[in-house]
Amino acid sequence: MASRQPRFNQQVLLDTTPLPDSIPRVEEIGSSSAPLLSASFFIGARCKPFNDDYMVCKTEAHGTGEIDCLKEGRKVTRCAASV
């Protein structure tokens, strides 16, 4: 069993387990859905190669893509934050 203790904050689970060093550190965007939705056209156009890599990784992972594709997901987040 894992040695971490999850902390609950009403409806949010905060996982205190650090990511492996092979996963690049990226700050979360920290925006609500409204600004992201209004910028989605520009984010999609600029980050299409990263999104495509992430979707290919998830398709090839056969159900474990959320864990196996963390590196690609971080690249998508970094690209979206740069827009």
PDB file of N, CA and C in Angstrom:
ATOM      1  N   MET A   1       0.841  -1.180   0.000  1.00  0.00           N
ATOM      2  CA  MET A   1       0.000   0.000   0.000  1.00  0.00           C
ATOM      3  C   MET A   1       0.884   1.240   0.000  1.00  0.00           C
ATOM      4  N   ALA A   2       0.387   2.313  -0.564  1.00  0.00           N
ATOM      5  CA  ALA A   2       1.161   3.548  -0.688  1.00  0.00           C
ATOM      6  C   ALA A   2       1.393   4.182   0.673  1.00  0.00           C
ATOM      7  N   SER A   3       2.501   4.876   0.789  1.00  0.00           N
ATOM      8  CA  SER A   3       2.836   5.514   2.058  1.00  0.00           C
ATOM      9  C   SER A   3       2.347   6.951   2.127  1.00  0.00           C
ATOM     10  N   ARG A   4       1.675   7.441   1.094  1.00  0.00           N
ATOM     11  CA  ARG A   4       1.198   8.809   1.103  1.00  0.00           C
ATOM     12  C   ARG A   4      -0.156   8.887   1.781  1.00  0.00           C
ATOM     13  N   GLN A   5      -0.466  10.027   2.330  1.00  0.00           N
ATOM     14  CA  GLN A   5      -1.751  10.274   2.955  1.00  0.00           C
ATOM     15  C   GLN A   5      -2.508  11.313   2.135  1.00  0.00           C
ATOM     16  N   PRO A   6      -3.609  10.936   1.473  1.00  0.00           N
ATOM     17  CA  PRO A   6      -4.358  11.934   0.716  1.00  0.00           C
ATOM     18  C   PRO A   6      -5.041  12.915   1.660  1.00  0.00           C
ATOM     19  N   ARG A   7      -5.140  14.156   1.213  1.00  0.00           N
ATOM     20  CA  ARG A   7      -5.822  15.190   1.980  1.00  0.00           C
ATOM     21  C   ARG A   7      -7.054  15.620   1.204  1.00  0.00           C
ATOM     22  N   PHE A   8      -8.175  15.678   1.872  1.00  0.00           N
ATOM     23  CA  PHE A   8      -9.417  16.069   1.231  1.00  0.00           C
ATOM     24  C   PHE A   8      -9.765  17.500   1.597  1.00  0.00           C
ATOM     25  N   ASN A   9     -10.202  18.251   0.612  1.00  0.00           N
ATOM     26  CA  ASN A   9     -10.635  19.626   0.810  1.00  0.00           C
ATOM     27  C   ASN A   9     -12.019  19.750   0.188  1.00  0.00           C
ATOM     28  N   GLN A  10     -13.042  19.438   0.939  1.00  0.00           N
ATOM     29  CA  GLN A  10     -14.431  19.426   0.486  1.00  0.00           C
ATOM     30  C   GLN A  10     -14.584  18.480  -0.701  1.00  0.00           C
ATOM     31  N   GLN A  11     -14.383  18.939  -1.924  1.00  0.00           N
ATOM     32  CA  GLN A  11     -14.619  18.111  -3.095  1.00  0.00           C
ATOM     33  C   GLN A  11     -13.344  17.832  -3.877  1.00  0.00           C
ATOM     34  N   VAL A  12     -12.211  18.264  -3.393  1.00  0.00           N
ATOM     35  CA  VAL A  12     -10.973  18.145  -4.154  1.00  0.00           C
ATOM     36  C   VAL A  12     -10.029  17.193  -3.439  1.00  0.00           C
ATOM     37  N   LEU A  13      -9.459  16.248  -4.167  1.00  0.00           N
ATOM     38  CA  LEU A  13      -8.449  15.362  -3.626  1.00  0.00           C
ATOM     39  C   LEU A  13      -7.081  15.904  -4.014  1.00  0.00           C
ATOM     40  N   LEU A  14      -6.256  16.209  -3.042  1.00  0.00           N
ATOM     41  CA  LEU A  14      -4.903  16.692  -3.296  1.00  0.00           C
ATOM     42  C   LEU A  14      -3.945  15.523  -3.108  1.00  0.00           C
ATOM     43  N   ASP A  15      -3.343  15.091  -4.183  1.00  0.00           N
ATOM     44  CA  ASP A  15      -2.401  13.976  -4.135  1.00  0.00           C
ATOM     45  C   ASP A  15      -1.023  14.542  -3.840  1.00  0.00           C
ATOM     46  N   THR A  16      -0.445  14.145  -2.729  1.00  0.00           N
ATOM     47  CA  THR A  16       0.844  14.693  -2.306  1.00  0.00           C
ATOM     48  C   THR A  16       2.035  13.902  -2.832  1.00  0.00           C
ATOM     49  N   THR A  17       1.799  12.892  -3.654  1.00  0.00           N
ATOM     50  CA  THR A  17       2.882  12.093  -4.210  1.00  0.00           C
ATOM     51  C   THR A  17       3.633  12.904  -5.264  1.00  0.00           C
ATOM     52  N   PRO A  18       4.945  13.084  -5.118  1.00  0.00           N
ATOM     53  CA  PRO A  18       5.678  13.842  -6.138  1.00  0.00           C
ATOM     54  C   PRO A  18       5.785  13.046  -7.437  1.00  0.00           C
ATOM     55  N   LEU A  19       5.795  13.781  -8.553  1.00  0.00           N
ATOM     56  CA  LEU A  19       5.955  13.134  -9.853  1.00  0.00           C
ATOM     57  C   LEU A  19       7.393  12.665 -10.018  1.00  0.00           C
ATOM     58  N   PRO A  20       7.623  11.660 -10.846  1.00  0.00           N
ATOM     59  CA  PRO A  20       8.996  11.222 -11.117  1.00  0.00           C
ATOM     60  C   PRO A  20       9.799  12.324 -11.799  1.00  0.00           C
ATOM     61  N   ASP A  21      11.104  12.258 -11.698  1.00  0.00           N
ATOM     62  CA  ASP A  21      11.976  13.265 -12.306  1.00  0.00           C
ATOM     63  C   ASP A  21      11.890  13.275 -13.831  1.00  0.00           C
ATOM     64  N   SER A  22      11.439  12.166 -14.439  1.00  0.00           N
ATOM     65  CA  SER A  22      11.338  12.107 -15.895  1.00  0.00           C
ATOM     66  C   SER A  22      10.170  12.935 -16.427  1.00  0.00           C
ATOM     67  N   ILE A  23       9.246  13.347 -15.560  1.00  0.00           N
ATOM     68  CA  ILE A  23       8.112  14.173 -15.958  1.00  0.00           C
ATOM     69  C   ILE A  23       8.481  15.630 -15.717  1.00  0.00           C
ATOM     70  N   PRO A  24       8.481  16.464 -16.766  1.00  0.00           N
ATOM     71  CA  PRO A  24       8.867  17.867 -16.576  1.00  0.00           C
ATOM     72  C   PRO A  24       7.870  18.603 -15.687  1.00  0.00           C
ATOM     73  N   ARG A  25       8.365  19.499 -14.849  1.00  0.00           N
ATOM     74  CA  ARG A  25       7.528  20.274 -13.933  1.00  0.00           C
ATOM     75  C   ARG A  25       6.857  21.406 -14.705  1.00  0.00           C
ATOM     76  N   VAL A  26       5.540  21.519 -14.574  1.00  0.00           N
ATOM     77  CA  VAL A  26       4.768  22.546 -15.250  1.00  0.00           C
ATOM     78  C   VAL A  26       3.773  23.105 -14.249  1.00  0.00           C
ATOM     79  N   GLU A  27       3.692  24.419 -14.178  1.00  0.00           N
ATOM     80  CA  GLU A  27       2.678  25.045 -13.335  1.00  0.00           C
ATOM     81  C   GLU A  27       1.323  24.910 -14.021  1.00  0.00           C
ATOM     82  N   GLU A  28       0.299  24.670 -13.243  1.00  0.00           N
ATOM     83  CA  GLU A  28      -1.043  24.569 -13.799  1.00  0.00           C
ATOM     84  C   GLU A  28      -1.488  25.936 -14.316  1.00  0.00           C
ATOM     85  N   ILE A  29      -2.396  25.946 -15.261  1.00  0.00           N
ATOM     86  CA  ILE A  29      -2.840  27.188 -15.877  1.00  0.00           C
ATOM     87  C   ILE A  29      -3.603  28.039 -14.873  1.00  0.00           C
ATOM     88  N   GLY A  30      -4.400  27.432 -14.029  1.00  0.00           N
ATOM     89  CA  GLY A  30      -5.094  28.165 -12.986  1.00  0.00           C
ATOM     90  C   GLY A  30      -6.180  29.080 -13.499  1.00  0.00           C
ATOM     91  N   SER A  31      -6.889  28.651 -14.523  1.00  0.00           N
ATOM     92  CA  SER A  31      -7.943  29.473 -15.107  1.00  0.00           C
ATOM     93  C   SER A  31      -9.239  28.676 -15.099  1.00  0.00           C
ATOM     94  N   SER A  32     -10.350  29.380 -15.061  1.00  0.00           N
ATOM     95  CA  SER A  32     -11.642  28.702 -15.126  1.00  0.00           C
ATOM     96  C   SER A  32     -11.949  28.329 -16.574  1.00  0.00           C
ATOM     97  N   SER A  33     -13.078  27.680 -16.767  1.00  0.00           N
ATOM     98  CA  SER A  33     -13.398  27.190 -18.108  1.00  0.00           C
ATOM     99  C   SER A  33     -13.758  28.308 -19.092  1.00  0.00           C
ATOM    100  N   ALA A  34     -14.297  29.415 -18.608  1.00  0.00           N
ATOM    101  CA  ALA A  34     -14.718  30.481 -19.530  1.00  0.00           C
ATOM    102  C   ALA A  34     -13.557  31.076 -20.332  1.00  0.00           C
ATOM    103  N   PRO A  35     -12.450  31.511 -19.684  1.00  0.00           N
ATOM    104  CA  PRO A  35     -11.343  32.027 -20.497  1.00  0.00           C
ATOM    105  C   PRO A  35     -10.685  30.957 -21.362  1.00  0.00           C
ATOM    106  N   LEU A  36     -10.634  29.719 -20.857  1.00  0.00           N
ATOM    107  CA  LEU A  36     -10.045  28.646 -21.663  1.00  0.00           C
ATOM    108  C   LEU A  36     -10.904  28.357 -22.892  1.00  0.00           C
ATOM    109  N   LEU A  37     -12.217  28.392 -22.711  1.00  0.00           N
ATOM    110  CA  LEU A  37     -13.105  28.148 -23.844  1.00  0.00           C
ATOM    111  C   LEU A  37     -12.987  29.257 -24.882  1.00  0.00           C
ATOM    112  N   SER A  38     -12.885  30.492 -24.437  1.00  0.00           N
ATOM    113  CA  SER A  38     -12.767  31.593 -25.394  1.00  0.00           C
ATOM    114  C   SER A  38     -11.421  31.574 -26.120  1.00  0.00           C
ATOM    115  N   ALA A  39     -10.395  31.036 -25.500  1.00  0.00           N
ATOM    116  CA  ALA A  39      -9.071  30.955 -26.125  1.00  0.00           C
ATOM    117  C   ALA A  39      -8.820  29.609 -26.791  1.00  0.00           C
ATOM    118  N   SER A  40      -9.800  28.704 -26.742  1.00  0.00           N
ATOM    119  CA  SER A  40      -9.571  27.340 -27.219  1.00  0.00           C
ATOM    120  C   SER A  40      -9.205  27.270 -28.705  1.00  0.00           C
ATOM    121  N   PHE A  41      -9.760  28.154 -29.520  1.00  0.00           N
ATOM    122  CA  PHE A  41      -9.419  28.154 -30.946  1.00  0.00           C
ATOM    123  C   PHE A  41      -7.932  28.436 -31.138  1.00  0.00           C
ATOM    124  N   PHE A  42      -7.415  29.421 -30.412  1.00  0.00           N
ATOM    125  CA  PHE A  42      -6.006  29.797 -30.541  1.00  0.00           C
ATOM    126  C   PHE A  42      -5.093  28.745 -29.907  1.00  0.00           C
ATOM    127  N   ILE A  43      -5.508  28.215 -28.762  1.00  0.00           N
ATOM    128  CA  ILE A  43      -4.725  27.158 -28.111  1.00  0.00           C
ATOM    129  C   ILE A  43      -4.663  25.937 -29.022  1.00  0.00           C
ATOM    130  N   GLY A  44      -5.818  25.562 -29.601  1.00  0.00           N
ATOM    131  CA  GLY A  44      -5.852  24.395 -30.483  1.00  0.00           C
ATOM    132  C   GLY A  44      -4.978  24.559 -31.711  1.00  0.00           C
ATOM    133  N   ALA A  45      -4.990  25.757 -32.288  1.00  0.00           N
ATOM    134  CA  ALA A  45      -4.183  25.992 -33.483  1.00  0.00           C
ATOM    135  C   ALA A  45      -2.694  25.956 -33.173  1.00  0.00           C
ATOM    136  N   ARG A  46      -2.308  26.543 -32.049  1.00  0.00           N
ATOM    137  CA  ARG A  46      -0.889  26.622 -31.727  1.00  0.00           C
ATOM    138  C   ARG A  46      -0.345  25.314 -31.160  1.00  0.00           C
ATOM    139  N   CYS A  47      -1.167  24.571 -30.427  1.00  0.00           N
ATOM    140  CA  CYS A  47      -0.692  23.384 -29.718  1.00  0.00           C
ATOM    141  C   CYS A  47      -1.100  22.080 -30.390  1.00  0.00           C
ATOM    142  N   LYS A  48      -1.525  22.131 -31.646  1.00  0.00           N
ATOM    143  CA  LYS A  48      -1.989  20.938 -32.343  1.00  0.00           C
ATOM    144  C   LYS A  48      -0.973  19.793 -32.350  1.00  0.00           C
ATOM    145  N   PRO A  49       0.307  20.034 -32.625  1.00  0.00           N
ATOM    146  CA  PRO A  49       1.249  18.905 -32.616  1.00  0.00           C
ATOM    147  C   PRO A  49       1.356  18.231 -31.243  1.00  0.00           C
ATOM    148  N   PHE A  50       1.332  19.015 -30.162  1.00  0.00           N
ATOM    149  CA  PHE A  50       1.420  18.448 -28.823  1.00  0.00           C
ATOM    150  C   PHE A  50       0.147  17.681 -28.479  1.00  0.00           C
ATOM    151  N   ASN A  51      -1.014  18.237 -28.874  1.00  0.00           N
ATOM    152  CA  ASN A  51      -2.277  17.547 -28.642  1.00  0.00           C
ATOM    153  C   ASN A  51      -2.325  16.234 -29.397  1.00  0.00           C
ATOM    154  N   ASP A  52      -1.854  16.244 -30.650  1.00  0.00           N
ATOM    155  CA  ASP A  52      -1.855  15.025 -31.453  1.00  0.00           C
ATOM    156  C   ASP A  52      -0.962  13.958 -30.829  1.00  0.00           C
ATOM    157  N   ASP A  53       0.236  14.353 -30.351  1.00  0.00           N
ATOM    158  CA  ASP A  53       1.136  13.400 -29.698  1.00  0.00           C
ATOM    159  C   ASP A  53       0.486  12.786 -28.462  1.00  0.00           C
ATOM    160  N   TYR A  54      -0.208  13.625 -27.682  1.00  0.00           N
ATOM    161  CA  TYR A  54      -0.873  13.138 -26.476  1.00  0.00           C
ATOM    162  C   TYR A  54      -1.991  12.159 -26.829  1.00  0.00           C
ATOM    163  N   MET A  55      -2.781  12.483 -27.834  1.00  0.00           N
ATOM    164  CA  MET A  55      -3.890  11.604 -28.210  1.00  0.00           C
ATOM    165  C   MET A  55      -3.383  10.277 -28.786  1.00  0.00           C
ATOM    166  N   VAL A  56      -2.299  10.316 -29.559  1.00  0.00           N
ATOM    167  CA  VAL A  56      -1.707   9.076 -30.075  1.00  0.00           C
ATOM    168  C   VAL A  56      -1.187   8.227 -28.914  1.00  0.00           C
ATOM    169  N   CYS A  57      -0.547   8.855 -27.951  1.00  0.00           N
ATOM    170  CA  CYS A  57      -0.039   8.129 -26.782  1.00  0.00           C
ATOM    171  C   CYS A  57      -1.182   7.474 -26.020  1.00  0.00           C
ATOM    172  N   LYS A  58      -2.281   8.223 -25.795  1.00  0.00           N
ATOM    173  CA  LYS A  58      -3.418   7.662 -25.073  1.00  0.00           C
ATOM    174  C   LYS A  58      -4.060   6.511 -25.834  1.00  0.00           C
ATOM    175  N   THR A  59      -4.115   6.619 -27.158  1.00  0.00           N
ATOM    176  CA  THR A  59      -4.709   5.552 -27.958  1.00  0.00           C
ATOM    177  C   THR A  59      -3.859   4.289 -27.892  1.00  0.00           C
ATOM    178  N   GLU A  60      -2.550   4.460 -27.935  1.00  0.00           N
ATOM    179  CA  GLU A  60      -1.654   3.307 -27.907  1.00  0.00           C
ATOM    180  C   GLU A  60      -1.501   2.708 -26.523  1.00  0.00           C
ATOM    181  N   ALA A  61      -1.890   3.433 -25.474  1.00  0.00           N
ATOM    182  CA  ALA A  61      -1.711   2.944 -24.105  1.00  0.00           C
ATOM    183  C   ALA A  61      -2.811   1.980 -23.681  1.00  0.00           C
ATOM    184  N   HIS A  62      -3.899   1.900 -24.425  1.00  0.00           N
ATOM    185  CA  HIS A  62      -4.998   0.958 -24.156  1.00  0.00           C
ATOM    186  C   HIS A  62      -5.535   1.064 -22.729  1.00  0.00           C
ATOM    187  N   GLY A  63      -5.979   2.247 -22.356  1.00  0.00           N
ATOM    188  CA  GLY A  63      -6.647   2.425 -21.073  1.00  0.00           C
ATOM    189  C   GLY A  63      -5.784   2.928 -19.934  1.00  0.00           C
ATOM    190  N   THR A  64      -4.471   2.979 -20.106  1.00  0.00           N
ATOM    191  CA  THR A  64      -3.593   3.481 -19.042  1.00  0.00           C
ATOM    192  C   THR A  64      -2.912   4.770 -19.468  1.00  0.00           C
ATOM    193  N   GLY A  65      -3.515   5.482 -20.405  1.00  0.00           N
ATOM    194  CA  GLY A  65      -2.910   6.679 -20.974  1.00  0.00           C
ATOM    195  C   GLY A  65      -2.733   7.807 -19.992  1.00  0.00           C
ATOM    196  N   GLU A  66      -3.615   7.915 -18.984  1.00  0.00           N
ATOM    197  CA  GLU A  66      -3.486   8.998 -18.022  1.00  0.00           C
ATOM    198  C   GLU A  66      -2.165   8.907 -17.271  1.00  0.00           C
ATOM    199  N   ILE A  67      -1.688   7.712 -17.053  1.00  0.00           N
ATOM    200  CA  ILE A  67      -0.432   7.522 -16.316  1.00  0.00           C
ATOM    201  C   ILE A  67       0.750   7.439 -17.269  1.00  0.00           C
ATOM    202  N   ASP A  68       0.596   6.694 -18.342  1.00  0.00           N
ATOM    203  CA  ASP A  68       1.702   6.484 -19.278  1.00  0.00           C
ATOM    204  C   ASP A  68       2.038   7.725 -20.092  1.00  0.00           C
ATOM    205  N   CYS A  69       1.113   8.659 -20.217  1.00  0.00           N
ATOM    206  CA  CYS A  69       1.310   9.812 -21.090  1.00  0.00           C
ATOM    207  C   CYS A  69       1.439  11.119 -20.319  1.00  0.00           C
ATOM    208  N   LEU A  70       1.935  11.059 -19.094  1.00  0.00           N
ATOM    209  CA  LEU A  70       2.075  12.276 -18.298  1.00  0.00           C
ATOM    210  C   LEU A  70       3.016  13.282 -18.947  1.00  0.00           C
ATOM    211  N   LYS A  71       4.094  12.789 -19.543  1.00  0.00           N
ATOM    212  CA  LYS A  71       5.062  13.697 -20.171  1.00  0.00           C
ATOM    213  C   LYS A  71       4.425  14.456 -21.327  1.00  0.00           C
ATOM    214  N   GLU A  72       3.655  13.753 -22.161  1.00  0.00           N
ATOM    215  CA  GLU A  72       2.986  14.413 -23.273  1.00  0.00           C
ATOM    216  C   GLU A  72       1.913  15.382 -22.765  1.00  0.00           C
ATOM    217  N   GLY A  73       1.214  15.005 -21.706  1.00  0.00           N
ATOM    218  CA  GLY A  73       0.201  15.878 -21.132  1.00  0.00           C
ATOM    219  C   GLY A  73       0.791  17.156 -20.572  1.00  0.00           C
ATOM    220  N   ARG A  74       1.966  17.052 -19.976  1.00  0.00           N
ATOM    221  CA  ARG A  74       2.637  18.247 -19.457  1.00  0.00           C
ATOM    222  C   ARG A  74       3.065  19.167 -20.592  1.00  0.00           C
ATOM    223  N   LYS A  75       3.461  18.590 -21.716  1.00  0.00           N
ATOM    224  CA  LYS A  75       3.823  19.421 -22.873  1.00  0.00           C
ATOM    225  C   LYS A  75       2.612  20.190 -23.385  1.00  0.00           C
ATOM    226  N   VAL A  76       1.439  19.543 -23.382  1.00  0.00           N
ATOM    227  CA  VAL A  76       0.213  20.223 -23.802  1.00  0.00           C
ATOM    228  C   VAL A  76      -0.101  21.360 -22.839  1.00  0.00           C
ATOM    229  N   THR A  77       0.031  21.119 -21.542  1.00  0.00           N
ATOM    230  CA  THR A  77      -0.237  22.165 -20.555  1.00  0.00           C
ATOM    231  C   THR A  77       0.730  23.327 -20.701  1.00  0.00           C
ATOM    232  N   ARG A  78       2.001  23.019 -20.920  1.00  0.00           N
ATOM    233  CA  ARG A  78       2.996  24.083 -21.095  1.00  0.00           C
ATOM    234  C   ARG A  78       2.703  24.912 -22.335  1.00  0.00           C
ATOM    235  N   CYS A  79       2.290  24.256 -23.405  1.00  0.00           N
ATOM    236  CA  CYS A  79       1.965  24.989 -24.635  1.00  0.00           C
ATOM    237  C   CYS A  79       0.731  25.867 -24.425  1.00  0.00           C
ATOM    238  N   ALA A  80      -0.287  25.337 -23.770  1.00  0.00           N
ATOM    239  CA  ALA A  80      -1.499  26.126 -23.537  1.00  0.00           C
ATOM    240  C   ALA A  80      -1.219  27.324 -22.648  1.00  0.00           C
ATOM    241  N   ALA A  81      -0.332  27.173 -21.691  1.00  0.00           N
ATOM    242  CA  ALA A  81       0.006  28.290 -20.813  1.00  0.00           C
ATOM    243  C   ALA A  81       0.779  29.373 -21.554  1.00  0.00           C
ATOM    244  N   SER A  82       1.456  29.006 -22.635  1.00  0.00           N
ATOM    245  CA  SER A  82       2.259  29.979 -23.373  1.00  0.00           C
ATOM    246  C   SER A  82       1.418  30.816 -24.340  1.00  0.00           C
ATOM    247  N   VAL A  83       0.167  30.405 -24.577  1.00  0.00           N
ATOM    248  CA  VAL A  83      -0.677  31.137 -25.529  1.00  0.00           C
ATOM    249  C   VAL A  83      -1.169  32.408 -24.949  1.00  0.00           C
TER     250      VAL A  83
END
